[in-house]
Amino acid sequence: MDDTGAQTQSKQPQRDVRTIWLIILAILSFATPVGLIIPAILITICVVPFSIIFSIVVTIAAFFLGLLLMGVILIGAGGYIIFTSFWAGVLVLGIGFTALGLFLLLLPIFHWLTVNGIHLVSQLFQKLYNFLNEKNHFGKRV
């Protein structure tokens, strides 16, 4: 893969997020009736799905942070316990390394889901923008 391909691959999520914000701003800049009605409808329709998606994202982030902290803390505790009770220390160390390994195994999957999720939302906003642009021509009467 050449350098330009690697650079465009790493810049894709930032471009998608920027595209989403530009489309939101373009929709909100419609003529007065459309500019007031569409945001009201979008806010009404999107509150519940947005809150569900937000709670899922927070739950996943808390799971990953908890897994990381659990692994680090159990490794430290196992290193301390191993000097008092060898087998208990080995057990705690094993659980800590398992948690840390699970975190490291799931991290690329989480990254892939995040990047593709942002790209999917960007495509949905682009389709919404194209639909509204074709129908209303930004407030101009056809």
C-alpha atoms as a PDB file:
ATOM      1  CA  MET A   1       0.000   0.000   0.000  1.00  0.00           C
ATOM      2  CA  ASP A   2       1.381   3.394  -0.880  1.00  0.00           C
ATOM      3  CA  ASP A   3       1.640   6.369   1.469  1.00  0.00           C
ATOM      4  CA  THR A   4      -1.340   8.164  -0.033  1.00  0.00           C
ATOM      5  CA  GLY A   5      -3.590   5.136   0.525  1.00  0.00           C
ATOM      6  CA  ALA A   6      -2.536   4.901   4.159  1.00  0.00           C
ATOM      7  CA  GLN A   7      -3.100   8.613   4.684  1.00  0.00           C
ATOM      8  CA  THR A   8      -6.574   8.573   3.157  1.00  0.00           C
ATOM      9  CA  GLN A   9      -7.497   5.492   5.233  1.00  0.00           C
ATOM     10  CA  SER A  10      -6.457   7.204   8.487  1.00  0.00           C
ATOM     11  CA  LYS A  11      -8.209  10.491   7.570  1.00  0.00           C
ATOM     12  CA  GLN A  12     -11.539   8.823   6.638  1.00  0.00           C
ATOM     13  CA  PRO A  13     -13.236   9.090  10.091  1.00  0.00           C
ATOM     14  CA  GLN A  14     -12.317  12.776  10.467  1.00  0.00           C
ATOM     15  CA  ARG A  15     -13.670  13.508   6.992  1.00  0.00           C
ATOM     16  CA  ASP A  16     -16.882  11.632   7.768  1.00  0.00           C
ATOM     17  CA  VAL A  17     -17.445  13.537  11.018  1.00  0.00           C
ATOM     18  CA  ARG A  18     -16.774  16.830   9.237  1.00  0.00           C
ATOM     19  CA  THR A  19     -19.216  15.841   6.493  1.00  0.00           C
ATOM     20  CA  ILE A  20     -21.913  15.074   9.074  1.00  0.00           C
ATOM     21  CA  TRP A  21     -21.519  18.502  10.682  1.00  0.00           C
ATOM     22  CA  LEU A  22     -21.525  20.305   7.331  1.00  0.00           C
ATOM     23  CA  ILE A  23     -24.716  18.525   6.270  1.00  0.00           C
ATOM     24  CA  ILE A  24     -26.405  19.347   9.597  1.00  0.00           C
ATOM     25  CA  LEU A  25     -25.478  23.009   9.155  1.00  0.00           C
ATOM     26  CA  ALA A  26     -26.714  22.995   5.548  1.00  0.00           C
ATOM     27  CA  ILE A  27     -30.065  21.494   6.585  1.00  0.00           C
ATOM     28  CA  LEU A  28     -30.459  24.063   9.349  1.00  0.00           C
ATOM     29  CA  SER A  29     -29.759  26.896   6.896  1.00  0.00           C
ATOM     30  CA  PHE A  30     -32.899  26.201   4.828  1.00  0.00           C
ATOM     31  CA  ALA A  31     -35.502  28.896   4.329  1.00  0.00           C
ATOM     32  CA  THR A  32     -37.495  29.847   7.441  1.00  0.00           C
ATOM     33  CA  PRO A  33     -40.458  27.400   7.223  1.00  0.00           C
ATOM     34  CA  VAL A  34     -38.320  24.425   6.284  1.00  0.00           C
ATOM     35  CA  GLY A  35     -35.535  25.567   8.583  1.00  0.00           C
ATOM     36  CA  LEU A  36     -37.907  25.506  11.554  1.00  0.00           C
ATOM     37  CA  ILE A  37     -40.044  22.483  10.735  1.00  0.00           C
ATOM     38  CA  ILE A  38     -37.313  20.013   9.810  1.00  0.00           C
ATOM     39  CA  PRO A  39     -35.237  20.490  12.987  1.00  0.00           C
ATOM     40  CA  ALA A  40     -38.374  20.149  15.114  1.00  0.00           C
ATOM     41  CA  ILE A  41     -39.308  16.902  13.389  1.00  0.00           C
ATOM     42  CA  LEU A  42     -35.735  15.599  13.493  1.00  0.00           C
ATOM     43  CA  ILE A  43     -35.403  16.395  17.197  1.00  0.00           C
ATOM     44  CA  THR A  44     -38.728  14.698  17.917  1.00  0.00           C
ATOM     45  CA  ILE A  45     -37.868  11.592  15.897  1.00  0.00           C
ATOM     46  CA  CYS A  46     -34.198  11.342  16.918  1.00  0.00           C
ATOM     47  CA  VAL A  47     -34.338  11.830  20.685  1.00  0.00           C
ATOM     48  CA  VAL A  48     -35.181   8.232  21.547  1.00  0.00           C
ATOM     49  CA  PRO A  49     -32.822   6.523  19.067  1.00  0.00           C
ATOM     50  CA  PHE A  50     -30.024   8.940  19.961  1.00  0.00           C
ATOM     51  CA  SER A  51     -30.422   8.257  23.671  1.00  0.00           C
ATOM     52  CA  ILE A  52     -30.437   4.504  23.043  1.00  0.00           C
ATOM     53  CA  ILE A  53     -27.311   4.720  20.883  1.00  0.00           C
ATOM     54  CA  PHE A  54     -25.624   7.018  23.414  1.00  0.00           C
ATOM     55  CA  SER A  55     -26.357   4.607  26.264  1.00  0.00           C
ATOM     56  CA  ILE A  56     -24.975   1.685  24.239  1.00  0.00           C
ATOM     57  CA  VAL A  57     -21.789   3.632  23.453  1.00  0.00           C
ATOM     58  CA  VAL A  58     -21.341   4.625  27.111  1.00  0.00           C
ATOM     59  CA  THR A  59     -21.927   1.016  28.199  1.00  0.00           C
ATOM     60  CA  ILE A  60     -19.338  -0.316  25.731  1.00  0.00           C
ATOM     61  CA  ALA A  61     -16.810   2.345  26.757  1.00  0.00           C
ATOM     62  CA  ALA A  62     -17.401   1.532  30.445  1.00  0.00           C
ATOM     63  CA  PHE A  63     -16.954  -2.174  29.692  1.00  0.00           C
ATOM     64  CA  PHE A  64     -13.611  -1.568  27.989  1.00  0.00           C
ATOM     65  CA  LEU A  65     -12.382   0.782  30.690  1.00  0.00           C
ATOM     66  CA  GLY A  66     -13.499  -1.669  33.385  1.00  0.00           C
ATOM     67  CA  LEU A  67     -11.773  -4.556  31.628  1.00  0.00           C
ATOM     68  CA  LEU A  68      -8.542  -2.584  31.351  1.00  0.00           C
ATOM     69  CA  LEU A  69      -8.626  -1.414  34.970  1.00  0.00           C
ATOM     70  CA  MET A  70      -9.572  -4.869  36.218  1.00  0.00           C
ATOM     71  CA  GLY A  71      -6.630  -6.430  34.371  1.00  0.00           C
ATOM     72  CA  VAL A  72      -4.110  -3.886  35.630  1.00  0.00           C
ATOM     73  CA  ILE A  73      -5.361  -3.974  39.235  1.00  0.00           C
ATOM     74  CA  LEU A  74      -5.503  -7.778  39.366  1.00  0.00           C
ATOM     75  CA  ILE A  75      -1.998  -8.095  37.951  1.00  0.00           C
ATOM     76  CA  GLY A  76      -0.735  -5.718  40.628  1.00  0.00           C
ATOM     77  CA  ALA A  77      -2.671  -7.517  43.357  1.00  0.00           C
ATOM     78  CA  GLY A  78      -1.510 -10.904  42.099  1.00  0.00           C
ATOM     79  CA  GLY A  79       2.098  -9.733  42.206  1.00  0.00           C
ATOM     80  CA  TYR A  80       1.600  -8.810  45.860  1.00  0.00           C
ATOM     81  CA  ILE A  81      -0.412 -11.922  46.835  1.00  0.00           C
ATOM     82  CA  ILE A  82       2.022 -14.350  45.200  1.00  0.00           C
ATOM     83  CA  PHE A  83       4.519 -13.725  48.021  1.00  0.00           C
ATOM     84  CA  THR A  84       1.996 -14.664  50.731  1.00  0.00           C
ATOM     85  CA  SER A  85       0.024 -17.461  49.051  1.00  0.00           C
ATOM     86  CA  PHE A  86       1.617 -18.746  45.882  1.00  0.00           C
ATOM     87  CA  TRP A  87      -1.396 -20.463  44.278  1.00  0.00           C
ATOM     88  CA  ALA A  88      -3.814 -17.674  45.132  1.00  0.00           C
ATOM     89  CA  GLY A  89      -1.341 -15.178  43.635  1.00  0.00           C
ATOM     90  CA  VAL A  90      -1.033 -17.275  40.469  1.00  0.00           C
ATOM     91  CA  LEU A  91      -4.846 -17.411  40.219  1.00  0.00           C
ATOM     92  CA  VAL A  92      -5.215 -13.647  40.599  1.00  0.00           C
ATOM     93  CA  LEU A  93      -2.368 -13.025  38.124  1.00  0.00           C
ATOM     94  CA  GLY A  94      -4.020 -15.397  35.638  1.00  0.00           C
ATOM     95  CA  ILE A  95      -7.370 -13.622  35.903  1.00  0.00           C
ATOM     96  CA  GLY A  96      -5.626 -10.254  35.489  1.00  0.00           C
ATOM     97  CA  PHE A  97      -3.698 -11.355  32.399  1.00  0.00           C
ATOM     98  CA  THR A  98      -6.885 -12.893  30.974  1.00  0.00           C
ATOM     99  CA  ALA A  99      -8.777  -9.622  31.428  1.00  0.00           C
ATOM    100  CA  LEU A 100      -5.924  -7.633  29.885  1.00  0.00           C
ATOM    101  CA  GLY A 101      -5.661 -10.096  26.976  1.00  0.00           C
ATOM    102  CA  LEU A 102      -9.405  -9.913  26.377  1.00  0.00           C
ATOM    103  CA  PHE A 103      -9.165  -6.112  26.329  1.00  0.00           C
ATOM    104  CA  LEU A 104      -6.331  -6.250  23.783  1.00  0.00           C
ATOM    105  CA  LEU A 105      -8.219  -8.775  21.622  1.00  0.00           C
ATOM    106  CA  LEU A 106     -11.420  -6.725  21.566  1.00  0.00           C
ATOM    107  CA  LEU A 107      -9.747  -3.354  21.001  1.00  0.00           C
ATOM    108  CA  PRO A 108      -9.278  -3.738  17.184  1.00  0.00           C
ATOM    109  CA  ILE A 109     -12.881  -4.911  16.849  1.00  0.00           C
ATOM    110  CA  PHE A 110     -14.067  -1.870  18.802  1.00  0.00           C
ATOM    111  CA  HIS A 111     -11.939   0.415  16.608  1.00  0.00           C
ATOM    112  CA  TRP A 112     -13.312  -1.176  13.427  1.00  0.00           C
ATOM    113  CA  LEU A 113     -16.900  -0.804  14.660  1.00  0.00           C
ATOM    114  CA  THR A 114     -16.294   2.832  15.612  1.00  0.00           C
ATOM    115  CA  VAL A 115     -14.763   3.803  12.258  1.00  0.00           C
ATOM    116  CA  ASN A 116     -17.432   1.988  10.242  1.00  0.00           C
ATOM    117  CA  GLY A 117     -20.211   3.343  12.456  1.00  0.00           C
ATOM    118  CA  ILE A 118     -19.055   6.913  11.852  1.00  0.00           C
ATOM    119  CA  HIS A 119     -18.827   6.176   8.122  1.00  0.00           C
ATOM    120  CA  LEU A 120     -22.363   4.707   8.110  1.00  0.00           C
ATOM    121  CA  VAL A 121     -23.777   7.754   9.909  1.00  0.00           C
ATOM    122  CA  SER A 122     -21.958   9.985   7.410  1.00  0.00           C
ATOM    123  CA  GLN A 123     -23.536   8.131   4.489  1.00  0.00           C
ATOM    124  CA  LEU A 124     -26.990   8.385   6.080  1.00  0.00           C
ATOM    125  CA  PHE A 125     -26.585  12.135   6.548  1.00  0.00           C
ATOM    126  CA  GLN A 126     -25.379  12.499   2.949  1.00  0.00           C
ATOM    127  CA  LYS A 127     -28.487  10.654   1.707  1.00  0.00           C
ATOM    128  CA  LEU A 128     -30.692  12.850   3.896  1.00  0.00           C
ATOM    129  CA  TYR A 129     -28.970  15.946   2.522  1.00  0.00           C
ATOM    130  CA  ASN A 130     -29.372  14.783  -1.083  1.00  0.00           C
ATOM    131  CA  PHE A 131     -33.037  13.951  -0.477  1.00  0.00           C
ATOM    132  CA  LEU A 132     -33.773  17.346   1.049  1.00  0.00           C
ATOM    133  CA  ASN A 133     -31.700  19.154  -1.570  1.00  0.00           C
ATOM    134  CA  GLU A 134     -33.629  17.510  -4.432  1.00  0.00           C
ATOM    135  CA  LYS A 135     -37.032  18.140  -2.857  1.00  0.00           C
ATOM    136  CA  ASN A 136     -36.643  21.728  -1.673  1.00  0.00           C
ATOM    137  CA  HIS A 137     -33.629  23.128  -3.504  1.00  0.00           C
ATOM    138  CA  PHE A 138     -32.711  24.945  -0.276  1.00  0.00           C
ATOM    139  CA  GLY A 139     -35.978  26.827  -0.014  1.00  0.00           C
ATOM    140  CA  LYS A 140     -36.207  27.849  -3.688  1.00  0.00           C
ATOM    141  CA  ARG A 141     -39.532  27.206  -5.326  1.00  0.00           C
ATOM    142  CA  VAL A 142     -39.345  25.061  -8.423  1.00  0.00           C
END
